[in-house]
């Protein structure tokens, strides 16, 4: 697809892989961020794809933003523009209708950690390492690290990680809620694909559940409930709702076959 980001869609399983390929460290440059956004745009319109895995390969996920681009940033306005460019790409990933999983092998630092946090779930190899080390450069995370991290692990732990810039190994990352599952390194990507295939077989209501939760996150409970009610109504206009209810009546729970329609 692009020079640094490849989008591979398996229509037989309904699963796509967004593969980062910018050796040696998969540093997130402006171009890589642009290609991530383009991959997300293409994927968002793929009705045949129900889940996606982001993977940086068996050795490294992404070791951060491309620091070599920083000297070209001349002033505050350019720094804000740079940050918003990264935000736009990660928001495109976060707002995908499909269920998303990051398969993290090796380092996911700085922008790599921020990219992983933009997906629904994070599967980690046992050797994976997470962190937001920007403070060690005299700056702060510019692609959501101050915001998504505290929503995932709580404000106190997020402050400690951001303030110190320290690295968080896979076992601790799982303990604090940053990581969903930890596997042997060689099993991380296959396990992510396996889980993605299960989600891809789910009903269209998965998209409405994700939308309701993400939109409701920043709202008051009263407004968020209204978002949920709207999504509940949307489900009743799907073929999957008819198939699911009828299957439950005839065969009991968990046996329906869905088409994401």
Protein backbone atom coordinates (compact mmCIF):
# COMPACT_ATOMS: atom_id res chain seq x y z
CA UNK A 1 0.00 0.00 0.00
CA UNK A 2 2.55 2.55 1.15
CA UNK A 3 6.31 2.61 1.60
CA UNK A 4 6.19 2.00 5.36
CA UNK A 5 2.66 0.68 6.03
CA UNK A 6 1.12 -2.36 4.38
CA UNK A 7 -2.58 -3.23 4.59
CA UNK A 8 -3.34 -6.90 4.04
CA UNK A 9 -7.00 -7.97 3.96
CA UNK A 10 -8.08 -11.59 4.30
CA UNK A 11 -11.68 -11.65 3.10
CA UNK A 12 -12.04 -15.34 3.94
CA UNK A 13 -11.59 -14.65 7.68
CA UNK A 14 -12.71 -11.01 7.75
CA UNK A 15 -9.39 -9.96 9.32
CA UNK A 16 -6.91 -7.34 8.12
CA UNK A 17 -3.33 -6.73 9.20
CA UNK A 18 -1.82 -3.24 9.25
CA UNK A 19 1.90 -3.99 9.08
CA UNK A 20 4.56 -1.40 9.96
CA UNK A 21 7.67 -1.86 7.83
CA UNK A 22 10.23 0.86 8.47
CA UNK A 23 13.40 -0.86 9.64
CA UNK A 24 15.26 -0.93 11.84
CA UNK A 25 12.98 0.54 14.56
CA UNK A 26 9.67 1.33 12.81
CA UNK A 27 10.15 4.95 13.89
CA UNK A 28 6.94 6.88 13.29
CA UNK A 29 7.78 9.60 10.80
CA UNK A 30 5.35 12.08 9.29
CA UNK A 31 5.13 9.85 6.21
CA UNK A 32 4.46 6.71 8.26
CA UNK A 33 1.73 8.55 10.16
CA UNK A 34 0.21 9.66 6.87
CA UNK A 35 0.24 6.09 5.58
CA UNK A 36 -1.39 4.87 8.80
CA UNK A 37 -4.20 7.34 8.23
CA UNK A 38 -4.58 6.19 4.64
CA UNK A 39 -4.71 2.55 5.71
CA UNK A 40 -7.38 3.39 8.28
CA UNK A 41 -9.40 5.29 5.67
CA UNK A 42 -9.33 2.32 3.31
CA UNK A 43 -10.14 -0.12 6.07
CA UNK A 44 -13.07 1.92 7.41
CA UNK A 45 -14.93 1.36 4.16
CA UNK A 46 -14.23 -2.38 3.95
CA UNK A 47 -17.52 -4.06 4.78
CA UNK A 48 -15.96 -7.50 4.41
CA UNK A 49 -13.45 -6.84 7.21
CA UNK A 50 -14.65 -7.10 10.80
CA UNK A 51 -11.39 -6.88 12.75
CA UNK A 52 -7.82 -5.68 12.26
CA UNK A 53 -4.42 -6.36 13.82
CA UNK A 54 -1.58 -3.82 13.88
CA UNK A 55 1.85 -5.45 13.93
CA UNK A 56 5.39 -4.21 13.61
CA UNK A 57 6.92 -7.60 12.96
CA UNK A 58 8.50 -10.23 15.24
CA UNK A 59 11.29 -8.01 16.64
CA UNK A 60 9.86 -4.54 17.27
CA UNK A 61 6.50 -2.78 17.24
CA UNK A 62 7.61 0.87 17.02
CA UNK A 63 10.34 2.51 19.09
CA UNK A 64 8.81 5.99 18.95
CA UNK A 65 8.54 9.02 16.74
CA UNK A 66 11.33 9.77 14.29
CA UNK A 67 13.49 12.08 16.43
CA UNK A 68 15.51 13.04 13.36
CA UNK A 69 12.52 15.09 12.19
CA UNK A 70 12.45 17.18 15.38
CA UNK A 71 15.25 19.65 14.50
CA UNK A 72 13.16 20.85 11.55
CA UNK A 73 10.44 22.05 13.94
CA UNK A 74 11.19 25.76 14.33
CA UNK A 75 8.53 27.12 16.67
CA UNK A 76 5.40 26.43 18.70
CA UNK A 77 3.08 26.64 15.69
CA UNK A 78 5.06 24.02 13.79
CA UNK A 79 5.25 21.79 16.86
CA UNK A 80 1.47 21.93 17.26
CA UNK A 81 1.03 21.12 13.57
CA UNK A 82 3.39 18.13 13.93
CA UNK A 83 1.47 16.86 16.98
CA UNK A 84 -1.91 17.25 15.32
CA UNK A 85 -0.68 15.32 12.27
CA UNK A 86 0.14 12.38 14.55
CA UNK A 87 -3.15 12.76 16.41
CA UNK A 88 -5.11 12.67 13.16
CA UNK A 89 -3.55 9.34 12.17
CA UNK A 90 -4.10 7.72 15.56
CA UNK A 91 -7.66 9.01 15.83
CA UNK A 92 -8.34 7.43 12.44
CA UNK A 93 -7.15 4.11 13.89
CA UNK A 94 -9.08 4.60 17.13
CA UNK A 95 -12.30 5.47 15.30
CA UNK A 96 -12.27 2.47 12.96
CA UNK A 97 -15.59 0.61 13.09
CA UNK A 98 -13.73 -2.70 13.21
CA UNK A 99 -12.41 -4.29 16.39
CA UNK A 100 -8.66 -3.56 16.54
CA UNK A 101 -5.80 -5.35 18.28
CA UNK A 102 -2.15 -4.32 18.54
CA UNK A 103 0.24 -7.28 18.48
CA UNK A 104 3.30 -5.93 20.26
CA UNK A 105 6.68 -7.59 19.96
CA UNK A 106 9.70 -5.75 21.32
CA UNK A 107 9.62 -2.02 21.95
CA UNK A 108 6.45 0.08 21.89
CA UNK A 109 7.84 3.38 23.13
CA UNK A 110 6.67 6.96 22.66
CA UNK A 111 4.65 7.10 19.48
CA UNK A 112 4.71 3.29 19.34
CA UNK A 113 3.03 3.07 22.73
CA UNK A 114 0.58 5.76 21.67
CA UNK A 115 -0.25 3.82 18.50
CA UNK A 116 -0.84 0.66 20.51
CA UNK A 117 -3.13 2.56 22.89
CA UNK A 118 -5.27 3.71 19.96
CA UNK A 119 -6.47 0.13 19.38
CA UNK A 120 -9.16 -1.68 21.32
CA UNK A 121 -6.81 -4.31 22.73
CA UNK A 122 -3.08 -4.82 23.15
CA UNK A 123 -1.59 -8.33 22.95
CA UNK A 124 2.05 -8.43 24.02
CA UNK A 125 4.88 -10.84 23.59
CA UNK A 126 6.63 -11.64 26.85
CA UNK A 127 9.60 -9.53 25.76
CA UNK A 128 7.52 -6.45 24.92
CA UNK A 129 8.38 -3.12 26.52
CA UNK A 130 6.11 -0.08 26.74
CA UNK A 131 6.72 3.50 27.80
CA UNK A 132 6.45 7.23 27.23
CA UNK A 133 10.09 8.41 27.43
CA UNK A 134 9.52 11.87 25.96
CA UNK A 135 10.30 13.62 29.26
CA UNK A 136 13.89 12.37 28.90
CA UNK A 137 14.13 14.54 25.77
CA UNK A 138 12.72 17.56 27.54
CA UNK A 139 9.36 17.28 25.79
CA UNK A 140 6.07 15.48 26.37
CA UNK A 141 4.06 12.88 24.45
CA UNK A 142 2.53 14.43 21.35
CA UNK A 143 0.20 11.70 20.10
CA UNK A 144 -2.09 10.98 23.03
CA UNK A 145 0.30 9.61 25.65
CA UNK A 146 -0.83 12.05 28.35
CA UNK A 147 -4.49 11.28 27.64
CA UNK A 148 -5.02 7.65 26.58
CA UNK A 149 -2.64 6.24 29.17
CA UNK A 150 -4.55 7.65 32.13
CA UNK A 151 -7.81 6.41 30.66
CA UNK A 152 -6.35 2.91 30.53
CA UNK A 153 -4.35 2.63 33.76
CA UNK A 154 -5.65 5.47 35.95
CA UNK A 155 -4.27 8.94 36.47
CA UNK A 156 -1.78 8.20 39.25
CA UNK A 157 0.01 5.37 37.44
CA UNK A 158 -0.09 7.32 34.16
CA UNK A 159 1.54 10.30 35.85
CA UNK A 160 4.30 8.10 37.25
CA UNK A 161 5.02 6.55 33.85
CA UNK A 162 4.92 9.89 32.01
CA UNK A 163 6.84 11.82 34.66
CA UNK A 164 9.66 9.25 34.88
CA UNK A 165 9.88 8.15 31.25
CA UNK A 166 10.63 4.66 32.49
CA UNK A 167 10.04 1.46 30.56
CA UNK A 168 7.20 -0.90 31.47
CA UNK A 169 7.71 -4.59 30.76
CA UNK A 170 4.92 -6.84 29.53
CA UNK A 171 4.08 -8.45 32.86
CA UNK A 172 3.65 -5.10 34.62
CA UNK A 173 1.79 -3.69 31.61
CA UNK A 174 -0.77 -6.47 31.95
CA UNK A 175 -1.02 -6.00 35.73
CA UNK A 176 -1.87 -2.30 35.40
CA UNK A 177 -4.35 -2.79 32.55
CA UNK A 178 -2.25 -1.41 29.70
CA UNK A 179 -2.02 -4.84 28.07
CA UNK A 180 -4.86 -7.30 27.54
CA UNK A 181 -2.88 -10.53 27.15
CA UNK A 182 0.74 -11.68 27.29
CA UNK A 183 2.04 -14.59 25.23
CA UNK A 184 5.34 -16.13 24.24
CA UNK A 185 6.91 -13.78 21.72
CA UNK A 186 6.38 -16.11 18.76
CA UNK A 187 2.70 -16.57 19.68
CA UNK A 188 1.78 -12.88 19.99
CA UNK A 189 0.79 -12.16 16.39
CA UNK A 190 -0.92 -15.55 15.77
CA UNK A 191 -2.92 -15.13 18.99
CA UNK A 192 -3.95 -11.63 17.92
CA UNK A 193 -5.10 -12.96 14.55
CA UNK A 194 -6.98 -15.79 16.26
CA UNK A 195 -8.84 -13.34 18.49
CA UNK A 196 -9.49 -11.01 15.56
CA UNK A 197 -11.07 -13.87 13.63
CA UNK A 198 -13.50 -14.47 16.50
CA UNK A 199 -14.48 -10.82 16.58
CA UNK A 200 -14.81 -10.75 12.79
CA UNK A 201 -17.48 -13.45 13.06
CA UNK A 202 -19.53 -11.26 15.40
CA UNK A 203 -22.60 -9.19 14.51
CA UNK A 204 -22.77 -5.64 13.22
CA UNK A 205 -23.76 -4.62 16.75
CA UNK A 206 -20.06 -4.83 17.68
CA UNK A 207 -19.58 -1.64 15.67
CA UNK A 208 -22.41 0.05 17.54
CA UNK A 209 -21.05 -1.12 20.92
CA UNK A 210 -17.65 0.36 20.08
CA UNK A 211 -19.17 3.60 18.85
CA UNK A 212 -21.35 4.00 21.93
CA UNK A 213 -18.47 3.37 24.32
CA UNK A 214 -16.01 5.67 22.57
CA UNK A 215 -18.49 8.51 22.10
CA UNK A 216 -19.84 8.14 25.63
CA UNK A 217 -16.39 8.23 27.23
CA UNK A 218 -16.20 12.03 27.20
CA UNK A 219 -19.88 12.71 27.93
CA UNK A 220 -21.95 13.06 31.05
CA UNK A 221 -23.81 9.89 32.03
CA UNK A 222 -27.10 11.42 30.90
CA UNK A 223 -25.75 12.25 27.44
CA UNK A 224 -23.88 8.95 27.17
CA UNK A 225 -27.04 6.99 27.88
CA UNK A 226 -28.69 8.79 24.98
CA UNK A 227 -25.81 7.69 22.73
CA UNK A 228 -26.35 4.11 23.89
CA UNK A 229 -30.08 4.32 23.21
CA UNK A 230 -29.42 5.56 19.66
CA UNK A 231 -27.01 2.68 19.07
CA UNK A 232 -29.54 0.23 20.53
CA UNK A 233 -32.06 1.53 18.01
CA UNK A 234 -29.57 1.16 15.16
CA UNK A 235 -29.15 -2.53 16.00
CA UNK A 236 -32.84 -3.11 15.42
CA UNK A 237 -32.39 -2.12 11.78
CA UNK A 238 -29.82 -4.85 11.10
CA UNK A 239 -30.23 -8.33 9.64
CA UNK A 240 -27.93 -9.64 12.36
CA UNK A 241 -30.43 -8.68 15.05
CA UNK A 242 -33.12 -10.74 13.33
CA UNK A 243 -30.75 -13.69 12.90
CA UNK A 244 -29.51 -13.48 16.49
CA UNK A 245 -32.95 -13.31 18.10
CA UNK A 246 -34.37 -16.08 15.93
CA UNK A 247 -31.36 -18.32 16.59
CA UNK A 248 -31.70 -17.75 20.34
CA UNK A 249 -35.38 -18.68 20.26
CA UNK A 250 -34.78 -21.82 18.20
CA UNK A 251 -31.37 -23.04 19.39
CA UNK A 252 -30.38 -21.15 22.53
CA UNK A 253 -27.55 -18.61 23.03
CA UNK A 254 -24.26 -18.51 21.17
CA UNK A 255 -25.21 -20.38 17.98
CA UNK A 256 -26.18 -17.56 15.61
CA UNK A 257 -24.34 -16.98 12.35
CA UNK A 258 -23.89 -13.32 11.53
CA UNK A 259 -23.18 -11.45 8.31
CA UNK A 260 -22.33 -7.97 9.75
CA UNK A 261 -25.36 -6.58 7.94
